[in-house]
C-alpha atoms as a PDB file:
ATOM      1  CA  UNK A   1      93.168 100.049  99.876  1.00  0.00           C
ATOM      2  CA  UNK A   2      90.752  97.209  98.685  1.00  0.00           C
ATOM      3  CA  UNK A   3      88.203  96.555  96.393  1.00  0.00           C
ATOM      4  CA  UNK A   4      85.230  94.944  98.566  1.00  0.00           C
ATOM      5  CA  UNK A   5      82.453  95.144  96.435  1.00  0.00           C
ATOM      6  CA  UNK A   6      81.045  92.174  94.444  1.00  0.00           C
ATOM      7  CA  UNK A   7      83.278  91.374  91.642  1.00  0.00           C
ATOM      8  CA  UNK A   8      80.503  91.853  89.140  1.00  0.00           C
ATOM      9  CA  UNK A   9      80.499  95.383  90.090  1.00  0.00           C
ATOM     10  CA  UNK A  10      84.092  96.191  89.461  1.00  0.00           C
ATOM     11  CA  UNK A  11      83.601  97.572  86.078  1.00  0.00           C
ATOM     12  CA  UNK A  12      80.888  99.654  86.947  1.00  0.00           C
ATOM     13  CA  UNK A  13      82.954 101.303  89.900  1.00  0.00           C
ATOM     14  CA  UNK A  14      86.356 101.433  88.032  1.00  0.00           C
ATOM     15  CA  UNK A  15      84.413 103.561  85.428  1.00  0.00           C
ATOM     16  CA  UNK A  16      82.985 105.920  87.977  1.00  0.00           C
ATOM     17  CA  UNK A  17      86.391 106.335  89.470  1.00  0.00           C
ATOM     18  CA  UNK A  18      87.822 107.662  86.122  1.00  0.00           C
ATOM     19  CA  UNK A  19      85.017 109.824  85.397  1.00  0.00           C
ATOM     20  CA  UNK A  20      85.533 111.695  88.365  1.00  0.00           C
ATOM     21  CA  UNK A  21      89.290 111.051  89.011  1.00  0.00           C
ATOM     22  CA  UNK A  22      90.987 111.006  85.539  1.00  0.00           C
ATOM     23  CA  UNK A  23      93.043 113.572  84.606  1.00  0.00           C
ATOM     24  CA  UNK A  24      93.680 114.968  87.850  1.00  0.00           C
ATOM     25  CA  UNK A  25      97.095 116.571  88.493  1.00  0.00           C
ATOM     26  CA  UNK A  26      98.303 114.597  91.093  1.00  0.00           C
ATOM     27  CA  UNK A  27     101.759 114.550  93.160  1.00  0.00           C
ATOM     28  CA  UNK A  28     102.715 110.918  94.143  1.00  0.00           C
ATOM     29  CA  UNK A  29     105.332 109.453  96.337  1.00  0.00           C
ATOM     30  CA  UNK A  30     106.453 105.558  96.603  1.00  0.00           C
ATOM     31  CA  UNK A  31     105.805 103.931  99.780  1.00  0.00           C
ATOM     32  CA  UNK A  32     109.063 104.441 102.266  1.00  0.00           C
ATOM     33  CA  UNK A  33     108.906 108.086 101.383  1.00  0.00           C
ATOM     34  CA  UNK A  34     106.858 109.183 104.077  1.00  0.00           C
ATOM     35  CA  UNK A  35     103.354 107.808 103.690  1.00  0.00           C
ATOM     36  CA  UNK A  36     100.929 106.495 105.672  1.00  0.00           C
ATOM     37  CA  UNK A  37     101.572 103.185 104.541  1.00  0.00           C
ATOM     38  CA  UNK A  38     105.648 103.390 105.142  1.00  0.00           C
ATOM     39  CA  UNK A  39     106.696 100.016 107.019  1.00  0.00           C
ATOM     40  CA  UNK A  40     103.479  98.428 106.680  1.00  0.00           C
ATOM     41  CA  UNK A  41     103.659  97.335 102.958  1.00  0.00           C
ATOM     42  CA  UNK A  42     105.970  96.340 100.341  1.00  0.00           C
ATOM     43  CA  UNK A  43     107.332  99.342  98.331  1.00  0.00           C
ATOM     44  CA  UNK A  44     106.247  97.076  95.390  1.00  0.00           C
ATOM     45  CA  UNK A  45     103.227  94.961  94.281  1.00  0.00           C
ATOM     46  CA  UNK A  46     104.361  92.601  91.404  1.00  0.00           C
ATOM     47  CA  UNK A  47     105.576  95.216  88.801  1.00  0.00           C
ATOM     48  CA  UNK A  48     103.701  98.280  90.014  1.00  0.00           C
ATOM     49  CA  UNK A  49     105.568 100.730  92.478  1.00  0.00           C
ATOM     50  CA  UNK A  50     103.122 101.579  95.669  1.00  0.00           C
ATOM     51  CA  UNK A  51     102.456 105.106  96.012  1.00  0.00           C
ATOM     52  CA  UNK A  52     100.595 108.270  97.946  1.00  0.00           C
ATOM     53  CA  UNK A  53      98.973 110.141  95.179  1.00  0.00           C
ATOM     54  CA  UNK A  54      98.015 114.031  96.464  1.00  0.00           C
ATOM     55  CA  UNK A  55      95.822 116.268  94.324  1.00  0.00           C
ATOM     56  CA  UNK A  56      96.796 120.088  93.652  1.00  0.00           C
ATOM     57  CA  UNK A  57      94.991 120.981  96.620  1.00  0.00           C
ATOM     58  CA  UNK A  58      97.017 118.612  98.998  1.00  0.00           C
ATOM     59  CA  UNK A  59      93.800 115.948  99.369  1.00  0.00           C
ATOM     60  CA  UNK A  60      94.853 112.249  99.604  1.00  0.00           C
ATOM     61  CA  UNK A  61      93.624 110.623  96.412  1.00  0.00           C
ATOM     62  CA  UNK A  62      92.868 107.071  98.483  1.00  0.00           C
ATOM     63  CA  UNK A  63      91.175 108.973 101.178  1.00  0.00           C
ATOM     64  CA  UNK A  64      88.915 110.448  98.579  1.00  0.00           C
ATOM     65  CA  UNK A  65      88.273 106.977  97.086  1.00  0.00           C
ATOM     66  CA  UNK A  66      87.580 105.390 100.512  1.00  0.00           C
ATOM     67  CA  UNK A  67      85.383 108.667 101.376  1.00  0.00           C
ATOM     68  CA  UNK A  68      83.265 107.809  98.202  1.00  0.00           C
ATOM     69  CA  UNK A  69      82.912 103.933  98.728  1.00  0.00           C
ATOM     70  CA  UNK A  70      85.289 103.093  95.783  1.00  0.00           C
ATOM     71  CA  UNK A  71      87.885 101.470  97.695  1.00  0.00           C
ATOM     72  CA  UNK A  72      88.432 101.350 101.673  1.00  0.00           C
ATOM     73  CA  UNK A  73      91.152 101.252 103.979  1.00  0.00           C
ATOM     74  CA  UNK A  74      92.986  97.981 105.561  1.00  0.00           C
ATOM     75  CA  UNK A  75      94.288  99.025 109.109  1.00  0.00           C
ATOM     76  CA  UNK A  76      96.961  96.495 108.947  1.00  0.00           C
ATOM     77  CA  UNK A  77      98.591  98.896 106.058  1.00  0.00           C
ATOM     78  CA  UNK A  78      98.093 102.277 106.938  1.00  0.00           C
ATOM     79  CA  UNK A  79      96.284 102.301 110.467  1.00  0.00           C
ATOM     80  CA  UNK A  80      93.245 104.454 110.616  1.00  0.00           C
ATOM     81  CA  UNK A  81      94.025 106.925 107.926  1.00  0.00           C
ATOM     82  CA  UNK A  82      91.362 105.399 105.579  1.00  0.00           C
ATOM     83  CA  UNK A  83      88.075 104.803 106.074  1.00  0.00           C
ATOM     84  CA  UNK A  84      88.032 100.781 106.972  1.00  0.00           C
ATOM     85  CA  UNK A  85      86.500  97.705 105.136  1.00  0.00           C
ATOM     86  CA  UNK A  86      85.281  96.871 108.564  1.00  0.00           C
ATOM     87  CA  UNK A  87      83.857  99.818 109.586  1.00  0.00           C
ATOM     88  CA  UNK A  88      80.699  98.385 107.760  1.00  0.00           C
ATOM     89  CA  UNK A  89      79.469 101.565 105.787  1.00  0.00           C
END
């Protein structure tokens, strides 16, 4: 997943994502344990563990963020699972 909007919008987009998604009950699993990114990205990014998180109804949080234009998918990381940055939409 990538943030491809102008950096000047980062704080506004982050606040919108927090408003819409903060507090959701999530179940997360690390990359390497059956995620779309297995074999394509490292399981850690600096000190952070890379995970796939699902909402209580089974929806993929990254997919929701991509569908809502907050982030976009990187095909090299997860194939066509997430709406691509390259789609132009």
